[in-house]
Amino acid sequence: MKFEKWTALGNDYLIVEAAALPWELNPERIKRICDRPFGVGADGILLLLPVEDPAHVAELRIFNRDGSEAELSGNGARQAAFYLRHRGWTDADEFTILTKAGPITDLTTIGPEIERHELFPNRTNVSFFHVRGALVRARIFERGVGETLSSGTGASGAAVAAVLAGAESPLTVQLDGGQLQVEVSTELEVRLTGWAEHVYTGEFSERFTRVLGEIG
């Protein structure tokens, strides 16, 4: 099974095209693949599927390393967009991908408590931020992942909250993994600018593919 590993500011994903899968991606297989000591290792898996609607280049499904599925990931979507251009799914500079959506302290203790609070039956991402002029310092606890070096959606949320609190757009969001540029319009539309990098292309061994196939 062929895949590529990509990263954006330390938030790494494995990108897989649906046609390459010899079995369904279920939670147990996802956890094994993303396990860093015993699998390939990643924050999650980005699964790309073809779509009939010409308004979209592809459908993107985003799986966290704990096997759960996320509606959206800013870093994941950006990596998928670079991959689609890199692999020839489109040559357009602007295109649409279909998805399921649209001082900071003690984060590792507070984050899980908020993520799993009864107010959020599907759990939630947690962003802590501090604003200094045009710079927003943020730390992100991502649902199904834990504290992450970078989160595009978390950075966007922090920027929107900063603008609502009186900061002026555009803003630079400083994350543990680096910086992202976020523009927030008066209608609260968000434009996120950052980078994504192809790390390597790989292929599962026949044995590992068979082992995964035996996982129910």
N, C-alpha and C. Protein backbone atom coordinates (compact mmCIF):
# COMPACT_ATOMS: atom_id res chain seq x y z
N MET A 1 0.84 -1.18 0.00
CA MET A 1 0.00 0.00 0.00
C MET A 1 0.88 1.24 0.00
N LYS A 2 0.77 2.03 -1.03
CA LYS A 2 1.62 3.23 -1.14
C LYS A 2 1.00 4.41 -0.38
N PHE A 3 1.88 5.24 0.16
CA PHE A 3 1.44 6.43 0.88
C PHE A 3 2.55 7.47 0.81
N GLU A 4 2.22 8.69 1.20
CA GLU A 4 3.23 9.72 1.36
C GLU A 4 3.09 10.33 2.74
N LYS A 5 4.20 10.73 3.32
CA LYS A 5 4.17 11.42 4.60
C LYS A 5 4.46 12.89 4.36
N TRP A 6 3.60 13.75 4.90
CA TRP A 6 3.76 15.19 4.77
C TRP A 6 3.72 15.80 6.17
N THR A 7 4.28 17.00 6.28
CA THR A 7 4.25 17.71 7.56
C THR A 7 4.04 19.20 7.31
N ALA A 8 3.39 19.84 8.26
CA ALA A 8 3.21 21.30 8.23
C ALA A 8 3.46 21.81 9.64
N LEU A 9 4.57 22.48 9.81
CA LEU A 9 4.95 23.03 11.11
C LEU A 9 4.97 21.95 12.20
N GLY A 10 5.40 20.75 11.84
CA GLY A 10 5.51 19.67 12.80
C GLY A 10 4.25 18.85 12.98
N ASN A 11 3.15 19.23 12.32
CA ASN A 11 1.89 18.47 12.36
C ASN A 11 1.92 17.52 11.16
N ASP A 12 2.22 16.23 11.42
CA ASP A 12 2.48 15.31 10.31
C ASP A 12 1.33 14.35 10.05
N TYR A 13 1.11 14.09 8.76
CA TYR A 13 0.04 13.19 8.32
C TYR A 13 0.58 12.24 7.25
N LEU A 14 -0.05 11.07 7.19
CA LEU A 14 0.15 10.16 6.08
C LEU A 14 -0.98 10.40 5.09
N ILE A 15 -0.64 10.57 3.82
CA ILE A 15 -1.65 10.80 2.80
C ILE A 15 -1.79 9.53 1.96
N VAL A 16 -3.04 9.07 1.85
CA VAL A 16 -3.33 7.83 1.13
C VAL A 16 -4.48 8.09 0.16
N GLU A 17 -4.34 7.59 -1.06
CA GLU A 17 -5.44 7.64 -2.02
C GLU A 17 -6.30 6.41 -1.83
N ALA A 18 -7.61 6.59 -1.85
CA ALA A 18 -8.54 5.49 -1.55
C ALA A 18 -8.30 4.28 -2.44
N ALA A 19 -7.92 4.52 -3.69
CA ALA A 19 -7.70 3.42 -4.63
C ALA A 19 -6.54 2.52 -4.21
N ALA A 20 -5.65 3.01 -3.35
CA ALA A 20 -4.49 2.23 -2.92
C ALA A 20 -4.80 1.33 -1.73
N LEU A 21 -5.97 1.48 -1.12
CA LEU A 21 -6.29 0.73 0.09
C LEU A 21 -6.73 -0.71 -0.24
N PRO A 22 -6.10 -1.70 0.39
CA PRO A 22 -6.53 -3.08 0.20
C PRO A 22 -7.64 -3.50 1.17
N TRP A 23 -7.97 -2.60 2.12
CA TRP A 23 -9.02 -2.86 3.10
C TRP A 23 -9.54 -1.50 3.59
N GLU A 24 -10.63 -1.53 4.34
CA GLU A 24 -11.20 -0.29 4.87
C GLU A 24 -10.34 0.26 6.00
N LEU A 25 -10.24 1.57 6.08
CA LEU A 25 -9.52 2.20 7.19
C LEU A 25 -10.45 2.22 8.41
N ASN A 26 -10.25 1.29 9.33
CA ASN A 26 -11.05 1.32 10.55
C ASN A 26 -10.18 1.85 11.71
N PRO A 27 -10.79 2.18 12.85
CA PRO A 27 -10.03 2.79 13.94
C PRO A 27 -8.82 2.00 14.40
N GLU A 28 -8.92 0.67 14.49
CA GLU A 28 -7.79 -0.13 14.96
C GLU A 28 -6.62 -0.08 13.97
N ARG A 29 -6.92 -0.13 12.68
CA ARG A 29 -5.86 -0.04 11.67
C ARG A 29 -5.21 1.33 11.69
N ILE A 30 -6.03 2.37 11.84
CA ILE A 30 -5.49 3.73 11.89
C ILE A 30 -4.54 3.88 13.07
N LYS A 31 -4.95 3.40 14.24
CA LYS A 31 -4.09 3.51 15.43
C LYS A 31 -2.78 2.76 15.24
N ARG A 32 -2.82 1.59 14.60
CA ARG A 32 -1.59 0.82 14.39
C ARG A 32 -0.67 1.52 13.39
N ILE A 33 -1.23 2.04 12.31
CA ILE A 33 -0.42 2.72 11.30
C ILE A 33 0.23 3.96 11.88
N CYS A 34 -0.52 4.72 12.70
CA CYS A 34 -0.01 5.99 13.24
C CYS A 34 0.87 5.80 14.47
N ASP A 35 0.94 4.60 15.00
CA ASP A 35 1.76 4.33 16.18
C ASP A 35 3.24 4.50 15.82
N ARG A 36 3.92 5.37 16.49
CA ARG A 36 5.31 5.69 16.11
C ARG A 36 6.29 4.54 16.39
N PRO A 37 6.17 3.79 17.49
CA PRO A 37 7.09 2.66 17.67
C PRO A 37 6.77 1.45 16.79
N PHE A 38 5.48 1.20 16.52
CA PHE A 38 5.11 -0.04 15.86
C PHE A 38 4.52 0.13 14.46
N GLY A 39 4.31 1.35 14.02
CA GLY A 39 3.79 1.61 12.69
C GLY A 39 4.66 2.62 11.96
N VAL A 40 4.03 3.39 11.08
CA VAL A 40 4.78 4.43 10.36
C VAL A 40 4.98 5.64 11.25
N GLY A 41 3.94 6.00 11.99
CA GLY A 41 4.02 7.14 12.89
C GLY A 41 3.52 8.42 12.26
N ALA A 42 2.46 9.01 12.83
CA ALA A 42 1.90 10.26 12.32
C ALA A 42 0.85 10.77 13.29
N ASP A 43 0.48 12.05 13.13
CA ASP A 43 -0.63 12.61 13.91
C ASP A 43 -1.96 12.13 13.38
N GLY A 44 -1.97 11.62 12.14
CA GLY A 44 -3.22 11.15 11.56
C GLY A 44 -3.04 10.73 10.12
N ILE A 45 -4.16 10.39 9.48
CA ILE A 45 -4.16 9.95 8.09
C ILE A 45 -5.13 10.82 7.30
N LEU A 46 -4.69 11.25 6.13
CA LEU A 46 -5.53 11.99 5.19
C LEU A 46 -5.89 11.05 4.06
N LEU A 47 -7.17 10.77 3.92
CA LEU A 47 -7.65 9.86 2.88
C LEU A 47 -8.31 10.68 1.78
N LEU A 48 -7.81 10.52 0.55
CA LEU A 48 -8.33 11.26 -0.60
C LEU A 48 -9.16 10.34 -1.48
N LEU A 49 -10.36 10.81 -1.80
CA LEU A 49 -11.28 10.04 -2.64
C LEU A 49 -11.72 10.89 -3.83
N PRO A 50 -11.91 10.27 -5.00
CA PRO A 50 -12.42 11.01 -6.15
C PRO A 50 -13.88 11.40 -5.94
N VAL A 51 -14.31 12.48 -6.57
CA VAL A 51 -15.70 12.94 -6.47
C VAL A 51 -16.24 13.19 -7.88
N GLU A 52 -17.56 13.04 -8.03
CA GLU A 52 -18.18 13.27 -9.33
C GLU A 52 -18.46 14.74 -9.58
N ASP A 53 -18.69 15.48 -8.50
CA ASP A 53 -19.01 16.90 -8.62
C ASP A 53 -17.79 17.68 -9.11
N PRO A 54 -17.85 18.31 -10.29
CA PRO A 54 -16.68 19.03 -10.81
C PRO A 54 -16.32 20.27 -10.00
N ALA A 55 -17.18 20.65 -9.05
CA ALA A 55 -16.86 21.80 -8.20
C ALA A 55 -15.78 21.47 -7.18
N HIS A 56 -15.52 20.18 -7.00
CA HIS A 56 -14.51 19.75 -6.03
C HIS A 56 -13.46 18.89 -6.73
N VAL A 57 -12.21 19.08 -6.32
CA VAL A 57 -11.13 18.27 -6.89
C VAL A 57 -11.12 16.87 -6.27
N ALA A 58 -11.42 16.79 -4.98
CA ALA A 58 -11.38 15.51 -4.27
C ALA A 58 -12.16 15.63 -2.98
N GLU A 59 -12.48 14.50 -2.40
CA GLU A 59 -13.03 14.46 -1.05
C GLU A 59 -11.91 14.10 -0.09
N LEU A 60 -11.84 14.81 1.01
CA LEU A 60 -10.81 14.59 2.02
C LEU A 60 -11.45 14.11 3.32
N ARG A 61 -11.03 12.94 3.78
CA ARG A 61 -11.43 12.47 5.10
C ARG A 61 -10.19 12.49 6.00
N ILE A 62 -10.37 12.98 7.20
CA ILE A 62 -9.25 13.22 8.11
C ILE A 62 -9.42 12.35 9.34
N PHE A 63 -8.44 11.50 9.59
CA PHE A 63 -8.50 10.60 10.74
C PHE A 63 -7.39 10.93 11.72
N ASN A 64 -7.76 11.06 12.99
CA ASN A 64 -6.77 11.30 14.04
C ASN A 64 -6.06 10.00 14.39
N ARG A 65 -4.93 10.11 15.07
CA ARG A 65 -4.14 8.91 15.35
C ARG A 65 -4.80 7.98 16.35
N ASP A 66 -5.86 8.45 17.05
CA ASP A 66 -6.58 7.56 17.95
C ASP A 66 -7.71 6.82 17.24
N GLY A 67 -7.82 6.99 15.92
CA GLY A 67 -8.82 6.30 15.14
C GLY A 67 -10.08 7.08 14.89
N SER A 68 -10.27 8.20 15.59
CA SER A 68 -11.47 9.01 15.39
C SER A 68 -11.35 9.84 14.11
N GLU A 69 -12.50 10.32 13.61
CA GLU A 69 -12.49 11.11 12.39
C GLU A 69 -12.77 12.57 12.73
N ALA A 70 -12.00 13.47 12.15
CA ALA A 70 -12.16 14.91 12.36
C ALA A 70 -12.92 15.54 11.21
N GLU A 71 -13.71 16.57 11.52
CA GLU A 71 -14.41 17.28 10.45
C GLU A 71 -13.45 18.10 9.60
N LEU A 72 -12.44 18.69 10.25
CA LEU A 72 -11.54 19.59 9.53
C LEU A 72 -10.22 19.71 10.26
N SER A 73 -9.16 19.88 9.50
CA SER A 73 -7.83 20.22 10.03
C SER A 73 -7.20 21.20 9.06
N GLY A 74 -6.87 22.39 9.53
CA GLY A 74 -6.27 23.37 8.65
C GLY A 74 -4.95 22.90 8.07
N ASN A 75 -4.09 22.34 8.94
CA ASN A 75 -2.81 21.82 8.45
C ASN A 75 -3.01 20.63 7.54
N GLY A 76 -3.94 19.74 7.90
CA GLY A 76 -4.22 18.58 7.07
C GLY A 76 -4.73 18.97 5.69
N ALA A 77 -5.67 19.93 5.67
CA ALA A 77 -6.22 20.37 4.39
C ALA A 77 -5.15 21.02 3.52
N ARG A 78 -4.24 21.75 4.15
CA ARG A 78 -3.17 22.40 3.38
C ARG A 78 -2.22 21.35 2.80
N GLN A 79 -1.89 20.34 3.59
CA GLN A 79 -1.04 19.27 3.07
C GLN A 79 -1.72 18.52 1.93
N ALA A 80 -3.03 18.26 2.10
CA ALA A 80 -3.78 17.59 1.03
C ALA A 80 -3.79 18.42 -0.24
N ALA A 81 -3.93 19.74 -0.10
CA ALA A 81 -3.95 20.61 -1.27
C ALA A 81 -2.61 20.57 -2.02
N PHE A 82 -1.51 20.62 -1.27
CA PHE A 82 -0.20 20.53 -1.90
C PHE A 82 -0.02 19.17 -2.58
N TYR A 83 -0.49 18.11 -1.91
CA TYR A 83 -0.38 16.77 -2.49
C TYR A 83 -1.16 16.68 -3.80
N LEU A 84 -2.38 17.21 -3.83
CA LEU A 84 -3.21 17.13 -5.03
C LEU A 84 -2.55 17.84 -6.21
N ARG A 85 -1.90 18.96 -5.93
CA ARG A 85 -1.15 19.64 -7.00
C ARG A 85 0.07 18.82 -7.40
N HIS A 86 0.78 18.32 -6.38
CA HIS A 86 2.02 17.57 -6.60
C HIS A 86 1.77 16.31 -7.41
N ARG A 87 0.63 15.66 -7.18
CA ARG A 87 0.31 14.40 -7.84
C ARG A 87 -0.57 14.55 -9.07
N GLY A 88 -0.83 15.77 -9.47
CA GLY A 88 -1.52 15.99 -10.74
C GLY A 88 -3.03 15.85 -10.73
N TRP A 89 -3.64 15.88 -9.54
CA TRP A 89 -5.10 15.84 -9.51
C TRP A 89 -5.68 17.13 -10.09
N THR A 90 -4.92 18.21 -10.01
CA THR A 90 -5.34 19.50 -10.56
C THR A 90 -4.11 20.35 -10.80
N ASP A 91 -4.23 21.30 -11.73
CA ASP A 91 -3.15 22.26 -11.94
C ASP A 91 -3.61 23.67 -11.62
N ALA A 92 -4.80 23.79 -11.02
CA ALA A 92 -5.36 25.10 -10.69
C ALA A 92 -4.68 25.68 -9.44
N ASP A 93 -4.57 27.01 -9.41
CA ASP A 93 -4.00 27.66 -8.24
C ASP A 93 -5.02 27.73 -7.10
N GLU A 94 -6.31 27.79 -7.43
CA GLU A 94 -7.36 27.80 -6.42
C GLU A 94 -8.35 26.69 -6.75
N PHE A 95 -8.65 25.86 -5.77
CA PHE A 95 -9.60 24.77 -5.98
C PHE A 95 -10.22 24.38 -4.65
N THR A 96 -11.26 23.57 -4.72
CA THR A 96 -12.04 23.21 -3.54
C THR A 96 -11.89 21.72 -3.23
N ILE A 97 -11.74 21.42 -1.95
CA ILE A 97 -11.70 20.04 -1.48
C ILE A 97 -12.94 19.83 -0.60
N LEU A 98 -13.63 18.75 -0.77
CA LEU A 98 -14.81 18.44 0.01
C LEU A 98 -14.39 17.78 1.32
N THR A 99 -14.89 18.33 2.45
CA THR A 99 -14.58 17.75 3.77
C THR A 99 -15.89 17.57 4.55
N LYS A 100 -15.79 17.01 5.74
CA LYS A 100 -16.98 16.82 6.57
C LYS A 100 -17.46 18.13 7.17
N ALA A 101 -16.70 19.14 7.17
CA ALA A 101 -17.13 20.41 7.72
C ALA A 101 -17.46 21.44 6.62
N GLY A 102 -16.74 22.68 7.74
CA GLY A 102 -16.21 24.07 7.79
C GLY A 102 -15.49 24.34 9.06
N PRO A 103 -1.09 34.54 27.92
CA PRO A 103 -0.21 33.41 28.30
C PRO A 103 -0.94 32.16 28.63
N ILE A 104 -0.40 31.25 28.13
CA ILE A 104 -0.98 29.96 28.02
C ILE A 104 -0.27 29.01 28.99
N THR A 105 -1.04 28.28 29.92
CA THR A 105 -0.40 27.44 30.96
C THR A 105 -1.05 26.03 30.98
N ASP A 106 -0.46 25.13 31.68
CA ASP A 106 -0.98 23.80 32.08
C ASP A 106 -1.85 23.15 31.03
N LEU A 107 -1.42 23.34 29.90
CA LEU A 107 -2.30 22.92 28.78
C LEU A 107 -2.54 21.42 28.80
N THR A 108 -1.52 20.64 29.09
CA THR A 108 -1.70 19.19 29.01
C THR A 108 -2.66 18.68 30.08
N THR A 109 -2.90 19.50 31.13
CA THR A 109 -3.87 19.12 32.15
C THR A 109 -5.25 19.66 31.84
N ILE A 110 -5.30 20.93 31.44
CA ILE A 110 -6.58 21.59 31.18
C ILE A 110 -7.19 21.12 29.87
N GLY A 111 -6.34 20.95 28.85
CA GLY A 111 -6.84 20.59 27.52
C GLY A 111 -7.72 19.36 27.50
N PRO A 112 -7.25 18.19 28.05
CA PRO A 112 -8.08 16.98 28.01
C PRO A 112 -9.40 17.14 28.75
N GLU A 113 -9.39 17.91 29.86
CA GLU A 113 -10.63 18.09 30.62
C GLU A 113 -11.66 18.85 29.80
N ILE A 114 -11.22 19.87 29.07
CA ILE A 114 -12.14 20.64 28.23
C ILE A 114 -12.57 19.81 27.03
N GLU A 115 -11.58 19.14 26.40
CA GLU A 115 -11.88 18.34 25.20
C GLU A 115 -13.00 17.35 25.44
N ARG A 116 -13.02 16.71 26.61
CA ARG A 116 -13.98 15.63 26.89
C ARG A 116 -15.13 16.08 27.80
N HIS A 117 -15.29 17.39 27.97
CA HIS A 117 -16.36 17.89 28.84
C HIS A 117 -17.72 17.51 28.26
N GLU A 118 -18.69 17.31 29.14
CA GLU A 118 -20.03 16.88 28.71
C GLU A 118 -20.71 17.90 27.80
N LEU A 119 -20.25 19.14 27.81
CA LEU A 119 -20.81 20.15 26.90
C LEU A 119 -20.48 19.84 25.45
N PHE A 120 -19.45 19.00 25.21
CA PHE A 120 -19.02 18.69 23.85
C PHE A 120 -19.14 17.18 23.62
N PRO A 121 -20.33 16.71 23.24
CA PRO A 121 -20.52 15.26 23.08
C PRO A 121 -19.61 14.64 22.03
N ASN A 122 -19.19 15.43 21.03
CA ASN A 122 -18.26 14.93 20.01
C ASN A 122 -16.82 15.34 20.29
N ARG A 123 -16.59 15.83 21.52
CA ARG A 123 -15.28 16.39 21.93
C ARG A 123 -14.97 17.66 21.13
N THR A 124 -13.90 18.34 21.49
CA THR A 124 -13.60 19.61 20.85
C THR A 124 -12.11 19.89 20.88
N ASN A 125 -11.64 20.75 19.96
CA ASN A 125 -10.27 21.25 20.02
C ASN A 125 -10.20 22.39 21.03
N VAL A 126 -9.04 22.56 21.64
CA VAL A 126 -8.87 23.61 22.65
C VAL A 126 -7.67 24.46 22.27
N SER A 127 -7.89 25.77 22.16
CA SER A 127 -6.81 26.70 21.81
C SER A 127 -6.62 27.71 22.94
N PHE A 128 -5.38 27.89 23.36
CA PHE A 128 -5.04 28.92 24.35
C PHE A 128 -4.17 29.95 23.64
N PHE A 129 -4.49 31.23 23.80
CA PHE A 129 -3.74 32.25 23.05
C PHE A 129 -3.57 33.52 23.86
N HIS A 130 -2.58 34.28 23.43
CA HIS A 130 -2.27 35.58 24.02
C HIS A 130 -1.90 36.53 22.90
N VAL A 131 -2.44 37.75 22.93
CA VAL A 131 -2.26 38.70 21.83
C VAL A 131 -1.29 39.80 22.23
N ARG A 132 -0.31 40.03 21.36
CA ARG A 132 0.58 41.18 21.52
C ARG A 132 0.64 41.90 20.19
N GLY A 133 -0.15 42.94 20.02
CA GLY A 133 -0.19 43.67 18.75
C GLY A 133 -0.67 42.77 17.63
N ALA A 134 0.18 42.61 16.61
CA ALA A 134 -0.19 41.78 15.46
C ALA A 134 0.28 40.33 15.62
N LEU A 135 0.85 39.99 16.80
CA LEU A 135 1.33 38.64 17.04
C LEU A 135 0.42 37.93 18.03
N VAL A 136 -0.03 36.74 17.65
CA VAL A 136 -0.85 35.92 18.52
C VAL A 136 -0.04 34.67 18.88
N ARG A 137 0.22 34.48 20.16
CA ARG A 137 0.93 33.27 20.62
C ARG A 137 -0.14 32.26 21.00
N ALA A 138 -0.09 31.08 20.40
CA ALA A 138 -1.13 30.08 20.66
C ALA A 138 -0.53 28.72 20.93
N ARG A 139 -1.18 27.96 21.80
CA ARG A 139 -0.89 26.54 21.99
C ARG A 139 -2.19 25.79 21.79
N ILE A 140 -2.09 24.65 21.14
CA ILE A 140 -3.28 23.95 20.68
C ILE A 140 -3.34 22.53 21.26
N PHE A 141 -4.49 22.19 21.83
CA PHE A 141 -4.75 20.80 22.22
C PHE A 141 -5.80 20.29 21.24
N GLU A 142 -5.40 19.34 20.38
CA GLU A 142 -6.26 18.91 19.28
C GLU A 142 -6.99 17.62 19.63
N ARG A 143 -8.27 17.60 19.39
CA ARG A 143 -9.11 16.43 19.67
C ARG A 143 -8.55 15.17 19.01
N GLY A 144 -8.35 14.14 19.80
CA GLY A 144 -7.86 12.88 19.25
C GLY A 144 -6.36 12.82 19.06
N VAL A 145 -5.66 13.92 19.29
CA VAL A 145 -4.21 13.97 19.07
C VAL A 145 -3.46 14.35 20.33
N GLY A 146 -3.98 15.32 21.08
CA GLY A 146 -3.26 15.87 22.22
C GLY A 146 -2.62 17.20 21.83
N GLU A 147 -1.69 17.67 22.65
CA GLU A 147 -1.03 18.93 22.30
C GLU A 147 -0.22 18.73 21.03
N THR A 148 -0.40 19.63 20.09
CA THR A 148 0.25 19.50 18.79
C THR A 148 1.12 20.71 18.52
N LEU A 149 2.17 20.50 17.75
CA LEU A 149 3.07 21.60 17.40
C LEU A 149 2.38 22.65 16.55
N SER A 150 1.36 22.25 15.82
CA SER A 150 0.69 23.19 14.93
C SER A 150 -0.71 22.71 14.62
N SER A 151 -1.63 23.65 14.47
CA SER A 151 -2.99 23.35 14.03
C SER A 151 -3.50 24.54 13.24
N GLY A 152 -3.84 24.31 11.98
CA GLY A 152 -4.35 25.41 11.16
C GLY A 152 -5.68 25.90 11.64
N THR A 153 -6.58 24.98 12.01
CA THR A 153 -7.89 25.40 12.51
C THR A 153 -7.75 26.08 13.87
N GLY A 154 -6.83 25.56 14.71
CA GLY A 154 -6.60 26.20 15.99
C GLY A 154 -6.04 27.60 15.84
N ALA A 155 -5.11 27.77 14.90
CA ALA A 155 -4.54 29.09 14.63
C ALA A 155 -5.60 30.04 14.10
N SER A 156 -6.47 29.52 13.22
CA SER A 156 -7.54 30.35 12.67
C SER A 156 -8.51 30.78 13.76
N GLY A 157 -8.87 29.83 14.63
CA GLY A 157 -9.77 30.16 15.73
C GLY A 157 -9.18 31.19 16.67
N ALA A 158 -7.89 31.05 16.97
CA ALA A 158 -7.22 32.02 17.84
C ALA A 158 -7.20 33.40 17.20
N ALA A 159 -6.97 33.44 15.86
CA ALA A 159 -6.94 34.72 15.16
C ALA A 159 -8.32 35.38 15.15
N VAL A 160 -9.37 34.59 14.90
CA VAL A 160 -10.72 35.14 14.92
C VAL A 160 -11.06 35.68 16.31
N ALA A 161 -10.73 34.92 17.35
CA ALA A 161 -10.99 35.38 18.71
C ALA A 161 -10.24 36.67 19.01
N ALA A 162 -8.99 36.75 18.51
CA ALA A 162 -8.19 37.96 18.73
C ALA A 162 -8.82 39.16 18.04
N VAL A 163 -9.31 38.97 16.81
CA VAL A 163 -9.95 40.06 16.06
C VAL A 163 -11.23 40.50 16.77
N LEU A 164 -12.03 39.53 17.24
CA LEU A 164 -13.25 39.87 17.96
C LEU A 164 -12.95 40.64 19.25
N ALA A 165 -11.74 40.42 19.79
CA ALA A 165 -11.34 41.11 21.02
C ALA A 165 -10.69 42.46 20.73
N GLY A 166 -10.58 42.82 19.42
CA GLY A 166 -10.07 44.14 19.08
C GLY A 166 -8.78 44.18 18.30
N ALA A 167 -8.12 43.04 18.07
CA ALA A 167 -6.88 43.03 17.28
C ALA A 167 -7.20 43.30 15.81
N GLU A 168 -6.20 43.79 15.08
CA GLU A 168 -6.39 44.10 13.68
C GLU A 168 -5.77 43.04 12.79
N SER A 169 -6.52 42.65 11.77
CA SER A 169 -6.03 41.69 10.78
C SER A 169 -5.17 42.41 9.75
N PRO A 170 -4.15 41.74 9.17
CA PRO A 170 -3.75 40.34 9.35
C PRO A 170 -2.93 40.13 10.62
N LEU A 171 -2.87 38.87 11.04
CA LEU A 171 -2.17 38.50 12.25
C LEU A 171 -1.17 37.38 11.97
N THR A 172 -0.10 37.38 12.73
CA THR A 172 0.85 36.27 12.71
C THR A 172 0.59 35.42 13.94
N VAL A 173 0.30 34.16 13.73
CA VAL A 173 0.04 33.25 14.84
C VAL A 173 1.29 32.41 15.07
N GLN A 174 1.88 32.56 16.25
CA GLN A 174 3.10 31.83 16.61
C GLN A 174 2.71 30.55 17.34
N LEU A 175 3.02 29.41 16.73
CA LEU A 175 2.76 28.10 17.32
C LEU A 175 4.08 27.46 17.73
N ASP A 176 4.03 26.38 18.46
CA ASP A 176 5.27 25.71 18.86
C ASP A 176 6.07 25.24 17.65
N GLY A 177 5.39 24.93 16.55
CA GLY A 177 6.08 24.45 15.35
C GLY A 177 6.48 25.52 14.37
N GLY A 178 6.08 26.77 14.60
CA GLY A 178 6.41 27.85 13.67
C GLY A 178 5.27 28.85 13.57
N GLN A 179 5.28 29.63 12.49
CA GLN A 179 4.32 30.71 12.34
C GLN A 179 3.37 30.47 11.17
N LEU A 180 2.13 30.95 11.33
CA LEU A 180 1.15 30.97 10.26
C LEU A 180 0.60 32.39 10.14
N GLN A 181 0.27 32.80 8.92
CA GLN A 181 -0.33 34.11 8.69
C GLN A 181 -1.83 33.92 8.51
N VAL A 182 -2.61 34.72 9.24
CA VAL A 182 -4.07 34.60 9.17
C VAL A 182 -4.69 35.96 8.92
N GLU A 183 -5.50 36.04 7.87
CA GLU A 183 -6.29 37.24 7.58
C GLU A 183 -7.74 36.95 7.93
N VAL A 184 -8.37 37.87 8.65
CA VAL A 184 -9.77 37.73 9.05
C VAL A 184 -10.54 38.92 8.52
N SER A 185 -11.55 38.67 7.68
CA SER A 185 -12.33 39.75 7.09
C SER A 185 -13.37 40.27 8.08
N THR A 186 -14.04 41.36 7.72
CA THR A 186 -15.09 41.91 8.59
C THR A 186 -16.26 40.94 8.71
N GLU A 187 -16.40 40.03 7.73
CA GLU A 187 -17.45 39.00 7.79
C GLU A 187 -16.94 37.73 8.49
N LEU A 188 -15.72 37.82 9.06
CA LEU A 188 -15.07 36.71 9.76
C LEU A 188 -14.72 35.56 8.83
N GLU A 189 -14.51 35.86 7.55
CA GLU A 189 -13.95 34.87 6.64
C GLU A 189 -12.44 34.80 6.87
N VAL A 190 -11.89 33.62 6.81
CA VAL A 190 -10.48 33.40 7.19
C VAL A 190 -9.65 32.94 5.99
N ARG A 191 -8.48 33.56 5.82
CA ARG A 191 -7.50 33.10 4.85
C ARG A 191 -6.23 32.71 5.61
N LEU A 192 -5.86 31.45 5.52
CA LEU A 192 -4.71 30.92 6.25
C LEU A 192 -3.56 30.70 5.28
N THR A 193 -2.39 31.22 5.60
CA THR A 193 -1.22 31.07 4.75
C THR A 193 -0.10 30.41 5.53
N GLY A 194 0.45 29.34 4.95
CA GLY A 194 1.54 28.63 5.59
C GLY A 194 2.16 27.67 4.61
N TRP A 195 2.96 26.74 5.09
CA TRP A 195 3.66 25.82 4.19
C TRP A 195 3.35 24.38 4.58
N ALA A 196 3.59 23.51 3.64
CA ALA A 196 3.52 22.07 3.88
C ALA A 196 4.66 21.43 3.11
N GLU A 197 5.23 20.35 3.63
CA GLU A 197 6.43 19.77 3.03
C GLU A 197 6.29 18.26 2.90
N HIS A 198 6.64 17.75 1.73
CA HIS A 198 6.64 16.31 1.48
C HIS A 198 7.87 15.72 2.16
N VAL A 199 7.65 14.76 3.06
CA VAL A 199 8.76 14.16 3.79
C VAL A 199 9.29 12.93 3.06
N TYR A 200 8.42 11.98 2.74
CA TYR A 200 8.86 10.82 1.98
C TYR A 200 7.66 10.07 1.40
N THR A 201 7.94 9.22 0.44
CA THR A 201 6.96 8.30 -0.14
C THR A 201 7.33 6.90 0.32
N GLY A 202 6.35 6.11 0.70
CA GLY A 202 6.65 4.77 1.20
C GLY A 202 5.61 3.76 0.72
N GLU A 203 5.86 2.50 1.07
CA GLU A 203 4.94 1.43 0.73
C GLU A 203 4.98 0.39 1.84
N PHE A 204 3.81 -0.01 2.35
CA PHE A 204 3.77 -1.02 3.39
C PHE A 204 4.29 -2.34 2.86
N SER A 205 4.99 -3.06 3.72
CA SER A 205 5.44 -4.40 3.34
C SER A 205 4.22 -5.31 3.21
N GLU A 206 4.39 -6.43 2.49
CA GLU A 206 3.29 -7.37 2.34
C GLU A 206 2.84 -7.90 3.71
N ARG A 207 3.80 -8.17 4.58
CA ARG A 207 3.45 -8.71 5.90
C ARG A 207 2.66 -7.70 6.71
N PHE A 208 3.12 -6.44 6.74
CA PHE A 208 2.42 -5.42 7.52
C PHE A 208 1.02 -5.18 6.95
N THR A 209 0.90 -5.20 5.62
CA THR A 209 -0.42 -5.06 4.99
C THR A 209 -1.33 -6.22 5.41
N ARG A 210 -0.78 -7.44 5.47
CA ARG A 210 -1.56 -8.61 5.87
C ARG A 210 -1.96 -8.52 7.33
N VAL A 211 -1.04 -8.07 8.20
CA VAL A 211 -1.34 -7.93 9.62
C VAL A 211 -2.48 -6.93 9.82
N LEU A 212 -2.40 -5.82 9.10
CA LEU A 212 -3.46 -4.82 9.21
C LEU A 212 -4.80 -5.37 8.72
N GLY A 213 -4.74 -6.19 7.68
CA GLY A 213 -5.96 -6.80 7.15
C GLY A 213 -6.62 -7.73 8.13
N GLU A 214 -5.84 -8.29 9.05
CA GLU A 214 -6.37 -9.22 10.04
C GLU A 214 -6.94 -8.51 11.28
N ILE A 215 -6.72 -7.20 11.34
CA ILE A 215 -7.26 -6.42 12.45
C ILE A 215 -8.73 -6.13 12.18
N GLY A 216 -9.59 -6.53 13.07
CA GLY A 216 -11.02 -6.37 12.88
C GLY A 216 -11.51 -5.00 13.30
